[in-house]
Every structure is written in C-alpha cells, then in structure tokens.
Amino acid sequence: EELAEDCGRCDICRAAHKSSSSTKNFKALIEKIMGLSREGIAVEVLLEKLGGFNRQKVINALEWMEDRELLSKVGEKIICDQKEL
C-alpha cells in the first residue's frame, strides 16, 4: 500500500522519518569529520571538537570512513583528503 504523503503519526511514517533523520545526521557528521581532518588531527582532539555528537557515533563514523578508505592514519593523526562524499 502506498501513501500519497507521510502522515507522521503511524509506525511506518515515524520509522521512515527516523531513518531519514539518522541518515542526514550521519552525513552531517561525516562532512564535519572530513572538514576537520583535512590537515590531520588526533582522534582525541577530533572527539573534543565534535562534542555535540555522541562519542560512539563519531567512532562508528570514523570506522565507516576508514573501511571506505576516506581517511588514513599517519602516526597518531587521521587525515581525510577527500573533498566530498
């Protein structure tokens, strides 16, 4: 069954909205990490700068980025040389 628009009240619409919000938040986090790590940054410093984000979500995002070779480790620092996702 397809709906013309989200009602925002039923389980299906709320789950879709939550998933969409999570995706937007994850992309925003990745973009912030990319911006902060262009010149190289220690992970602990990055975590401090991203204090508005949940620490575990930042770590998960870093692992996701590393798995996709969007960043690399140089000594104690991480560097992202990608301009965009």
PDB file of N, CA and C in Angstrom:
ATOM      1  N   GLU A   1       0.843  -1.181   0.000  1.00  0.00           N
ATOM      2  CA  GLU A   1       0.000   0.000   0.000  1.00  0.00           C
ATOM      3  C   GLU A   1       0.881   1.234   0.000  1.00  0.00           C
ATOM      4  N   GLU A   2       0.623   2.169  -0.879  1.00  0.00           N
ATOM      5  CA  GLU A   2       1.390   3.404  -0.939  1.00  0.00           C
ATOM      6  C   GLU A   2       0.546   4.567  -0.438  1.00  0.00           C
ATOM      7  N   LEU A   3       1.195   5.455   0.279  1.00  0.00           N
ATOM      8  CA  LEU A   3       0.519   6.651   0.768  1.00  0.00           C
ATOM      9  C   LEU A   3       0.931   7.843  -0.075  1.00  0.00           C
ATOM     10  N   ALA A   4       0.015   8.758  -0.287  1.00  0.00           N
ATOM     11  CA  ALA A   4       0.337   9.950  -1.068  1.00  0.00           C
ATOM     12  C   ALA A   4       1.336  10.824  -0.325  1.00  0.00           C
ATOM     13  N   GLU A   5       1.234  10.885   0.989  1.00  0.00           N
ATOM     14  CA  GLU A   5       2.163  11.677   1.794  1.00  0.00           C
ATOM     15  C   GLU A   5       2.269  11.055   3.179  1.00  0.00           C
ATOM     16  N   ASP A   6       3.355  11.350   3.866  1.00  0.00           N
ATOM     17  CA  ASP A   6       3.540  10.829   5.221  1.00  0.00           C
ATOM     18  C   ASP A   6       2.559  11.489   6.178  1.00  0.00           C
ATOM     19  N   CYS A   7       1.929  10.653   6.981  1.00  0.00           N
ATOM     20  CA  CYS A   7       1.046  11.211   7.999  1.00  0.00           C
ATOM     21  C   CYS A   7       1.861  11.651   9.211  1.00  0.00           C
ATOM     22  N   GLY A   8       3.021  11.005   9.406  1.00  0.00           N
ATOM     23  CA  GLY A   8       3.874  11.354  10.534  1.00  0.00           C
ATOM     24  C   GLY A   8       3.412  10.769  11.853  1.00  0.00           C
ATOM     25  N   ARG A   9       2.310  10.037  11.841  1.00  0.00           N
ATOM     26  CA  ARG A   9       1.753   9.508  13.084  1.00  0.00           C
ATOM     27  C   ARG A   9       1.819   7.989  13.181  1.00  0.00           C
ATOM     28  N   CYS A  10       1.702   7.308  12.055  1.00  0.00           N
ATOM     29  CA  CYS A  10       1.691   5.842  12.110  1.00  0.00           C
ATOM     30  C   CYS A  10       3.124   5.314  12.255  1.00  0.00           C
ATOM     31  N   ASP A  11       3.237   4.058  12.624  1.00  0.00           N
ATOM     32  CA  ASP A  11       4.548   3.431  12.818  1.00  0.00           C
ATOM     33  C   ASP A  11       5.413   3.503  11.570  1.00  0.00           C
ATOM     34  N   ILE A  12       4.815   3.284  10.425  1.00  0.00           N
ATOM     35  CA  ILE A  12       5.566   3.278   9.172  1.00  0.00           C
ATOM     36  C   ILE A  12       6.145   4.658   8.878  1.00  0.00           C
ATOM     37  N   CYS A  13       5.337   5.688   8.989  1.00  0.00           N
ATOM     38  CA  CYS A  13       5.809   7.048   8.704  1.00  0.00           C
ATOM     39  C   CYS A  13       6.832   7.513   9.735  1.00  0.00           C
ATOM     40  N   ARG A  14       6.623   7.160  11.002  1.00  0.00           N
ATOM     41  CA  ARG A  14       7.590   7.563  12.032  1.00  0.00           C
ATOM     42  C   ARG A  14       8.921   6.855  11.828  1.00  0.00           C
ATOM     43  N   ALA A  15       8.886   5.575  11.462  1.00  0.00           N
ATOM     44  CA  ALA A  15      10.131   4.833  11.217  1.00  0.00           C
ATOM     45  C   ALA A  15      10.863   5.413  10.006  1.00  0.00           C
ATOM     46  N   ALA A  16      10.125   5.754   8.964  1.00  0.00           N
ATOM     47  CA  ALA A  16      10.750   6.338   7.771  1.00  0.00           C
ATOM     48  C   ALA A  16      11.387   7.678   8.105  1.00  0.00           C
ATOM     49  N   HIS A  17      10.709   8.480   8.912  1.00  0.00           N
ATOM     50  CA  HIS A  17      11.249   9.789   9.300  1.00  0.00           C
ATOM     51  C   HIS A  17      12.505   9.618  10.153  1.00  0.00           C
ATOM     52  N   LYS A  18      12.460   8.669  11.091  1.00  0.00           N
ATOM     53  CA  LYS A  18      13.612   8.433  11.957  1.00  0.00           C
ATOM     54  C   LYS A  18      14.807   7.980  11.126  1.00  0.00           C
ATOM     55  N   SER A  19      14.581   7.080  10.188  1.00  0.00           N
ATOM     56  CA  SER A  19      15.658   6.598   9.325  1.00  0.00           C
ATOM     57  C   SER A  19      16.245   7.731   8.492  1.00  0.00           C
ATOM     58  N   SER A  20      15.381   8.570   7.950  1.00  0.00           N
ATOM     59  CA  SER A  20      15.821   9.709   7.140  1.00  0.00           C
ATOM     60  C   SER A  20      16.631  10.687   7.988  1.00  0.00           C
ATOM     61  N   SER A  21      16.174  10.941   9.206  1.00  0.00           N
ATOM     62  CA  SER A  21      16.892  11.848  10.109  1.00  0.00           C
ATOM     63  C   SER A  21      18.252  11.279  10.475  1.00  0.00           C
ATOM     64  N   SER A  22      18.309   9.980  10.731  1.00  0.00           N
ATOM     65  CA  SER A  22      19.577   9.342  11.073  1.00  0.00           C
ATOM     66  C   SER A  22      20.565   9.457   9.921  1.00  0.00           C
ATOM     67  N   THR A  23      20.077   9.248   8.704  1.00  0.00           N
ATOM     68  CA  THR A  23      20.937   9.342   7.527  1.00  0.00           C
ATOM     69  C   THR A  23      21.468  10.762   7.372  1.00  0.00           C
ATOM     70  N   LYS A  24      20.612  11.753   7.561  1.00  0.00           N
ATOM     71  CA  LYS A  24      21.035  13.155   7.455  1.00  0.00           C
ATOM     72  C   LYS A  24      22.061  13.484   8.531  1.00  0.00           C
ATOM     73  N   ASN A  25      21.819  13.025   9.750  1.00  0.00           N
ATOM     74  CA  ASN A  25      22.748  13.283  10.850  1.00  0.00           C
ATOM     75  C   ASN A  25      24.091  12.605  10.604  1.00  0.00           C
ATOM     76  N   PHE A  26      24.069  11.374  10.083  1.00  0.00           N
ATOM     77  CA  PHE A  26      25.302  10.653   9.798  1.00  0.00           C
ATOM     78  C   PHE A  26      26.092  11.370   8.706  1.00  0.00           C
ATOM     79  N   LYS A  27      25.407  11.812   7.676  1.00  0.00           N
ATOM     80  CA  LYS A  27      26.093  12.526   6.595  1.00  0.00           C
ATOM     81  C   LYS A  27      26.691  13.835   7.120  1.00  0.00           C
ATOM     82  N   ALA A  28      25.952  14.549   7.963  1.00  0.00           N
ATOM     83  CA  ALA A  28      26.469  15.798   8.543  1.00  0.00           C
ATOM     84  C   ALA A  28      27.713  15.525   9.383  1.00  0.00           C
ATOM     85  N   LEU A  29      27.692  14.440  10.144  1.00  0.00           N
ATOM     86  CA  LEU A  29      28.845  14.069  10.967  1.00  0.00           C
ATOM     87  C   LEU A  29      30.045  13.747  10.081  1.00  0.00           C
ATOM     88  N   ILE A  30      29.838  12.973   9.032  1.00  0.00           N
ATOM     89  CA  ILE A  30      30.928  12.611   8.115  1.00  0.00           C
ATOM     90  C   ILE A  30      31.526  13.875   7.495  1.00  0.00           C
ATOM     91  N   GLU A  31      30.673  14.798   7.086  1.00  0.00           N
ATOM     92  CA  GLU A  31      31.158  16.033   6.469  1.00  0.00           C
ATOM     93  C   GLU A  31      31.976  16.860   7.455  1.00  0.00           C
ATOM     94  N   LYS A  32      31.555  16.898   8.718  1.00  0.00           N
ATOM     95  CA  LYS A  32      32.321  17.629   9.736  1.00  0.00           C
ATOM     96  C   LYS A  32      33.683  16.966   9.950  1.00  0.00           C
ATOM     97  N   ILE A  33      33.694  15.642  10.022  1.00  0.00           N
ATOM     98  CA  ILE A  33      34.960  14.923  10.198  1.00  0.00           C
ATOM     99  C   ILE A  33      35.879  15.213   9.020  1.00  0.00           C
ATOM    100  N   MET A  34      35.324  15.181   7.826  1.00  0.00           N
ATOM    101  CA  MET A  34      36.132  15.442   6.637  1.00  0.00           C
ATOM    102  C   MET A  34      36.747  16.836   6.698  1.00  0.00           C
ATOM    103  N   GLY A  35      35.968  17.813   7.093  1.00  0.00           N
ATOM    104  CA  GLY A  35      36.469  19.180   7.181  1.00  0.00           C
ATOM    105  C   GLY A  35      37.544  19.356   8.237  1.00  0.00           C
ATOM    106  N   LEU A  36      37.359  18.727   9.382  1.00  0.00           N
ATOM    107  CA  LEU A  36      38.311  18.874  10.484  1.00  0.00           C
ATOM    108  C   LEU A  36      39.598  18.081  10.284  1.00  0.00           C
ATOM    109  N   SER A  37      39.550  17.060   9.450  1.00  0.00           N
ATOM    110  CA  SER A  37      40.721  16.186   9.335  1.00  0.00           C
ATOM    111  C   SER A  37      41.518  16.391   8.046  1.00  0.00           C
ATOM    112  N   ARG A  38      41.236  17.434   7.317  1.00  0.00           N
ATOM    113  CA  ARG A  38      41.966  17.682   6.055  1.00  0.00           C
ATOM    114  C   ARG A  38      43.471  17.884   6.283  1.00  0.00           C
ATOM    115  N   GLU A  39      43.828  18.551   7.348  1.00  0.00           N
ATOM    116  CA  GLU A  39      45.235  18.826   7.639  1.00  0.00           C
ATOM    117  C   GLU A  39      45.834  17.812   8.606  1.00  0.00           C
ATOM    118  N   GLY A  40      45.030  16.877   9.050  1.00  0.00           N
ATOM    119  CA  GLY A  40      45.475  15.895  10.035  1.00  0.00           C
ATOM    120  C   GLY A  40      45.067  16.340  11.429  1.00  0.00           C
ATOM    121  N   ILE A  41      44.527  15.432  12.190  1.00  0.00           N
ATOM    122  CA  ILE A  41      44.067  15.743  13.535  1.00  0.00           C
ATOM    123  C   ILE A  41      44.102  14.474  14.379  1.00  0.00           C
ATOM    124  N   ALA A  42      44.486  14.627  15.631  1.00  0.00           N
ATOM    125  CA  ALA A  42      44.481  13.495  16.552  1.00  0.00           C
ATOM    126  C   ALA A  42      43.026  13.120  16.859  1.00  0.00           C
ATOM    127  N   VAL A  43      42.770  11.839  17.007  1.00  0.00           N
ATOM    128  CA  VAL A  43      41.405  11.366  17.237  1.00  0.00           C
ATOM    129  C   VAL A  43      40.810  12.004  18.492  1.00  0.00           C
ATOM    130  N   GLU A  44      41.584  12.098  19.567  1.00  0.00           N
ATOM    131  CA  GLU A  44      41.056  12.687  20.807  1.00  0.00           C
ATOM    132  C   GLU A  44      40.669  14.157  20.608  1.00  0.00           C
ATOM    133  N   VAL A  45      41.478  14.890  19.847  1.00  0.00           N
ATOM    134  CA  VAL A  45      41.165  16.294  19.553  1.00  0.00           C
ATOM    135  C   VAL A  45      39.897  16.365  18.711  1.00  0.00           C
ATOM    136  N   LEU A  46      39.783  15.474  17.746  1.00  0.00           N
ATOM    137  CA  LEU A  46      38.581  15.424  16.908  1.00  0.00           C
ATOM    138  C   LEU A  46      37.347  15.149  17.759  1.00  0.00           C
ATOM    139  N   LEU A  47      37.459  14.197  18.671  1.00  0.00           N
ATOM    140  CA  LEU A  47      36.338  13.880  19.556  1.00  0.00           C
ATOM    141  C   LEU A  47      35.932  15.088  20.402  1.00  0.00           C
ATOM    142  N   GLU A  48      36.912  15.851  20.866  1.00  0.00           N
ATOM    143  CA  GLU A  48      36.617  17.063  21.636  1.00  0.00           C
ATOM    144  C   GLU A  48      35.889  18.087  20.774  1.00  0.00           C
ATOM    145  N   LYS A  49      36.372  18.287  19.545  1.00  0.00           N
ATOM    146  CA  LYS A  49      35.767  19.266  18.652  1.00  0.00           C
ATOM    147  C   LYS A  49      34.354  18.873  18.240  1.00  0.00           C
ATOM    148  N   LEU A  50      34.077  17.586  18.262  1.00  0.00           N
ATOM    149  CA  LEU A  50      32.752  17.091  17.894  1.00  0.00           C
ATOM    150  C   LEU A  50      31.943  16.726  19.133  1.00  0.00           C
ATOM    151  N   GLY A  51      32.157  17.451  20.197  1.00  0.00           N
ATOM    152  CA  GLY A  51      31.495  17.181  21.471  1.00  0.00           C
ATOM    153  C   GLY A  51      29.989  17.202  21.414  1.00  0.00           C
ATOM    154  N   GLY A  52      29.410  17.859  20.414  1.00  0.00           N
ATOM    155  CA  GLY A  52      27.957  17.888  20.277  1.00  0.00           C
ATOM    156  C   GLY A  52      27.387  16.583  19.749  1.00  0.00           C
ATOM    157  N   PHE A  53      28.261  15.716  19.251  1.00  0.00           N
ATOM    158  CA  PHE A  53      27.843  14.412  18.747  1.00  0.00           C
ATOM    159  C   PHE A  53      28.148  13.344  19.781  1.00  0.00           C
ATOM    160  N   ASN A  54      27.370  12.291  19.772  1.00  0.00           N
ATOM    161  CA  ASN A  54      27.598  11.146  20.630  1.00  0.00           C
ATOM    162  C   ASN A  54      28.961  10.537  20.296  1.00  0.00           C
ATOM    163  N   ARG A  55      29.782  10.320  21.308  1.00  0.00           N
ATOM    164  CA  ARG A  55      31.153   9.814  21.118  1.00  0.00           C
ATOM    165  C   ARG A  55      31.176   8.506  20.327  1.00  0.00           C
ATOM    166  N   GLN A  56      30.286   7.578  20.663  1.00  0.00           N
ATOM    167  CA  GLN A  56      30.280   6.288  19.969  1.00  0.00           C
ATOM    168  C   GLN A  56      29.879   6.451  18.503  1.00  0.00           C
ATOM    169  N   LYS A  57      28.994   7.393  18.212  1.00  0.00           N
ATOM    170  CA  LYS A  57      28.608   7.637  16.820  1.00  0.00           C
ATOM    171  C   LYS A  57      29.783   8.200  16.025  1.00  0.00           C
ATOM    172  N   VAL A  58      30.591   9.034  16.663  1.00  0.00           N
ATOM    173  CA  VAL A  58      31.780   9.570  15.996  1.00  0.00           C
ATOM    174  C   VAL A  58      32.754   8.429  15.706  1.00  0.00           C
ATOM    175  N   ILE A  59      32.963   7.556  16.671  1.00  0.00           N
ATOM    176  CA  ILE A  59      33.862   6.424  16.479  1.00  0.00           C
ATOM    177  C   ILE A  59      33.340   5.510  15.371  1.00  0.00           C
ATOM    178  N   ASN A  60      32.032   5.264  15.371  1.00  0.00           N
ATOM    179  CA  ASN A  60      31.438   4.445  14.304  1.00  0.00           C
ATOM    180  C   ASN A  60      31.638   5.102  12.941  1.00  0.00           C
ATOM    181  N   ALA A  61      31.474   6.407  12.884  1.00  0.00           N
ATOM    182  CA  ALA A  61      31.661   7.130  11.622  1.00  0.00           C
ATOM    183  C   ALA A  61      33.118   7.037  11.166  1.00  0.00           C
ATOM    184  N   LEU A  62      34.059   7.152  12.096  1.00  0.00           N
ATOM    185  CA  LEU A  62      35.480   7.030  11.749  1.00  0.00           C
ATOM    186  C   LEU A  62      35.786   5.637  11.199  1.00  0.00           C
ATOM    187  N   GLU A  63      35.224   4.616  11.824  1.00  0.00           N
ATOM    188  CA  GLU A  63      35.428   3.255  11.336  1.00  0.00           C
ATOM    189  C   GLU A  63      34.818   3.084   9.945  1.00  0.00           C
ATOM    190  N   TRP A  64      33.624   3.637   9.746  1.00  0.00           N
ATOM    191  CA  TRP A  64      32.960   3.579   8.446  1.00  0.00           C
ATOM    192  C   TRP A  64      33.823   4.245   7.383  1.00  0.00           C
ATOM    193  N   MET A  65      34.361   5.410   7.719  1.00  0.00           N
ATOM    194  CA  MET A  65      35.211   6.145   6.777  1.00  0.00           C
ATOM    195  C   MET A  65      36.501   5.381   6.479  1.00  0.00           C
ATOM    196  N   GLU A  66      37.080   4.794   7.504  1.00  0.00           N
ATOM    197  CA  GLU A  66      38.316   4.032   7.312  1.00  0.00           C
ATOM    198  C   GLU A  66      38.059   2.813   6.420  1.00  0.00           C
ATOM    199  N   ASP A  67      36.930   2.128   6.639  1.00  0.00           N
ATOM    200  CA  ASP A  67      36.579   0.966   5.820  1.00  0.00           C
ATOM    201  C   ASP A  67      36.440   1.340   4.349  1.00  0.00           C
ATOM    202  N   ARG A  68      36.011   2.559   4.075  1.00  0.00           N
ATOM    203  CA  ARG A  68      35.805   3.021   2.701  1.00  0.00           C
ATOM    204  C   ARG A  68      36.982   3.823   2.167  1.00  0.00           C
ATOM    205  N   GLU A  69      38.070   3.792   2.943  1.00  0.00           N
ATOM    206  CA  GLU A  69      39.311   4.477   2.575  1.00  0.00           C
ATOM    207  C   GLU A  69      39.106   5.972   2.325  1.00  0.00           C
ATOM    208  N   LEU A  70      38.225   6.579   3.127  1.00  0.00           N
ATOM    209  CA  LEU A  70      38.002   8.022   3.053  1.00  0.00           C
ATOM    210  C   LEU A  70      38.985   8.779   3.932  1.00  0.00           C
ATOM    211  N   LEU A  71      39.649   8.054   4.830  1.00  0.00           N
ATOM    212  CA  LEU A  71      40.672   8.675   5.668  1.00  0.00           C
ATOM    213  C   LEU A  71      41.777   7.675   5.905  1.00  0.00           C
ATOM    214  N   SER A  72      42.906   8.201   6.317  1.00  0.00           N
ATOM    215  CA  SER A  72      44.043   7.338   6.613  1.00  0.00           C
ATOM    216  C   SER A  72      44.700   7.793   7.902  1.00  0.00           C
ATOM    217  N   LYS A  73      45.424   6.895   8.508  1.00  0.00           N
ATOM    218  CA  LYS A  73      46.154   7.200   9.745  1.00  0.00           C
ATOM    219  C   LYS A  73      47.603   7.481   9.403  1.00  0.00           C
ATOM    220  N   VAL A  74      48.116   8.551   9.979  1.00  0.00           N
ATOM    221  CA  VAL A  74      49.531   8.893   9.855  1.00  0.00           C
ATOM    222  C   VAL A  74      50.009   9.153  11.281  1.00  0.00           C
ATOM    223  N   GLY A  75      50.717   8.197  11.815  1.00  0.00           N
ATOM    224  CA  GLY A  75      51.123   8.310  13.215  1.00  0.00           C
ATOM    225  C   GLY A  75      49.899   8.294  14.106  1.00  0.00           C
ATOM    226  N   GLU A  76      49.775   9.317  14.924  1.00  0.00           N
ATOM    227  CA  GLU A  76      48.637   9.435  15.835  1.00  0.00           C
ATOM    228  C   GLU A  76      47.489  10.241  15.241  1.00  0.00           C
ATOM    229  N   LYS A  77      47.639  10.690  14.009  1.00  0.00           N
ATOM    230  CA  LYS A  77      46.628  11.552  13.388  1.00  0.00           C
ATOM    231  C   LYS A  77      45.876  10.828  12.290  1.00  0.00           C
ATOM    232  N   ILE A  78      44.680  11.324  12.023  1.00  0.00           N
ATOM    233  CA  ILE A  78      43.921  10.860  10.876  1.00  0.00           C
ATOM    234  C   ILE A  78      43.854  12.005   9.870  1.00  0.00           C
ATOM    235  N   ILE A  79      43.848  11.629   8.624  1.00  0.00           N
ATOM    236  CA  ILE A  79      43.797  12.633   7.538  1.00  0.00           C
ATOM    237  C   ILE A  79      42.754  12.179   6.538  1.00  0.00           C
ATOM    238  N   CYS A  80      41.955  13.141   6.110  1.00  0.00           N
ATOM    239  CA  CYS A  80      40.984  12.892   5.044  1.00  0.00           C
ATOM    240  C   CYS A  80      41.338  13.798   3.881  1.00  0.00           C
ATOM    241  N   ASP A  81      41.649  13.189   2.749  1.00  0.00           N
ATOM    242  CA  ASP A  81      41.992  14.012   1.583  1.00  0.00           C
ATOM    243  C   ASP A  81      40.848  14.028   0.567  1.00  0.00           C
ATOM    244  N   GLN A  82      39.699  13.515   0.957  1.00  0.00           N
ATOM    245  CA  GLN A  82      38.515  13.562   0.093  1.00  0.00           C
ATOM    246  C   GLN A  82      37.855  14.929   0.223  1.00  0.00           C
ATOM    247  N   LYS A  83      37.374  15.460  -0.882  1.00  0.00           N
ATOM    248  CA  LYS A  83      36.700  16.763  -0.853  1.00  0.00           C
ATOM    249  C   LYS A  83      35.220  16.619  -0.512  1.00  0.00           C
ATOM    250  N   GLU A  84      34.631  15.501  -0.920  1.00  0.00           N
ATOM    251  CA  GLU A  84      33.220  15.259  -0.618  1.00  0.00           C
ATOM    252  C   GLU A  84      32.931  13.774  -0.661  1.00  0.00           C
ATOM    253  N   LEU A  85      31.764  13.425  -0.156  1.00  0.00           N
ATOM    254  CA  LEU A  85      31.344  12.017  -0.155  1.00  0.00           C
ATOM    255  C   LEU A  85      31.037  11.523  -1.540  1.00  0.00           C
TER     256      LEU A  85
END
